[in-house]
Amino acid sequence: MAIHGFYDGDRYIIHPFDTDPRTHPSKPTRGYRAQRPGGEPHNVLIGTPPDCDCEDFIYSRDGITPVPCRHVLAVRKILNERGSK
């Protein structure tokens, strides 16, 4: 089931998916594929710390700064507005 919402003026479509606990033992077992219409989809794991497969997160944020990328922020905001976990 797709979840629709807005972050920073952009519309996002979020699709939940199950993660493999063998691949992500310290991450949640639920991930989200976030995509703006016409944009590239990004896989986001919400946890502590969060994870995203976008270049911004991989090269500029992961282990460098606690400030997540826009995809993580978008998923968090949209899920919070929907009361989803």
Protein backbone atom coordinates (compact mmCIF):
# COMPACT_ATOMS: atom_id res chain seq x y z
CA MET A 1 0.00 0.00 0.00
CA ALA A 2 1.48 3.33 -1.06
CA ILE A 3 1.58 6.29 1.30
CA HIS A 4 1.38 9.75 -0.26
CA GLY A 5 2.58 12.96 1.36
CA PHE A 6 4.59 16.15 1.04
CA TYR A 7 7.98 17.22 2.33
CA ASP A 8 9.54 20.61 1.70
CA GLY A 9 7.02 21.34 -1.07
CA ASP A 10 7.69 18.09 -2.93
CA ARG A 11 5.20 15.24 -3.26
CA TYR A 12 6.47 11.80 -2.25
CA ILE A 13 5.12 8.32 -2.76
CA ILE A 14 6.33 5.87 -0.12
CA HIS A 15 6.10 2.10 -0.46
CA PRO A 16 6.86 -0.02 2.63
CA PHE A 17 8.98 -3.14 2.14
CA ASP A 18 10.42 -5.85 4.36
CA THR A 19 14.17 -5.93 4.91
CA ASP A 20 16.28 -9.02 5.38
CA PRO A 21 17.32 -9.23 9.08
CA ARG A 22 20.48 -11.13 8.03
CA THR A 23 21.55 -8.17 5.91
CA HIS A 24 20.41 -5.48 8.35
CA PRO A 25 20.70 -7.05 11.83
CA SER A 26 20.83 -3.71 13.66
CA LYS A 27 18.18 -2.03 11.50
CA PRO A 28 14.40 -2.28 11.60
CA THR A 29 12.68 -5.03 9.65
CA ARG A 30 10.70 -2.44 7.71
CA GLY A 31 12.03 -0.18 5.02
CA TYR A 32 10.49 2.41 2.75
CA ARG A 33 11.04 3.19 -0.92
CA ALA A 34 10.61 6.95 -1.28
CA GLN A 35 10.11 8.56 -4.68
CA ARG A 36 9.02 11.88 -6.05
CA PRO A 37 6.91 11.60 -9.22
CA GLY A 38 9.34 11.32 -12.10
CA GLY A 39 12.29 10.98 -9.72
CA GLU A 40 14.61 8.17 -8.77
CA PRO A 41 13.42 5.86 -5.96
CA HIS A 42 15.53 5.62 -2.79
CA ASN A 43 15.46 2.89 -0.15
CA VAL A 44 15.20 4.30 3.37
CA LEU A 45 15.56 2.44 6.66
CA ILE A 46 14.21 4.30 9.66
CA GLY A 47 16.16 3.48 12.78
CA THR A 48 19.00 4.68 14.94
CA PRO A 49 20.90 5.53 12.90
CA PRO A 50 18.76 5.80 9.75
CA ASP A 51 19.99 4.65 6.36
CA CYS A 52 19.37 5.66 2.73
CA ASP A 53 20.88 4.54 -0.55
CA CYS A 54 21.09 8.04 -2.08
CA GLU A 55 24.50 9.49 -2.92
CA ASP A 56 24.04 12.39 -0.51
CA PHE A 57 23.59 10.02 2.42
CA ILE A 58 26.31 7.57 1.37
CA TYR A 59 29.04 10.11 0.63
CA SER A 60 28.16 13.13 2.77
CA ARG A 61 26.23 11.98 5.83
CA ASP A 62 26.65 8.33 6.84
CA GLY A 63 28.91 8.38 9.89
CA ILE A 64 29.85 12.01 9.19
CA THR A 65 26.91 14.03 10.46
CA PRO A 66 23.78 13.20 12.47
CA VAL A 67 21.68 15.23 10.01
CA PRO A 68 19.96 12.76 7.65
CA CYS A 69 19.27 13.25 3.96
CA ARG A 70 16.00 14.65 2.63
CA HIS A 71 14.64 11.16 1.87
CA VAL A 72 14.95 10.06 5.51
CA LEU A 73 13.41 13.36 6.63
CA ALA A 74 10.57 13.02 4.11
CA VAL A 75 9.73 9.45 5.17
CA ARG A 76 9.82 10.40 8.89
CA LYS A 77 7.59 13.42 8.37
CA ILE A 78 5.04 11.66 6.18
CA LEU A 79 4.84 8.62 8.47
CA ASN A 80 4.44 10.86 11.53
CA GLU A 81 1.62 12.78 9.83
CA ARG A 82 -0.12 9.50 9.00
CA GLY A 83 0.46 8.02 12.44
CA SER A 84 2.36 5.13 10.84
CA LYS A 85 5.41 3.34 12.19
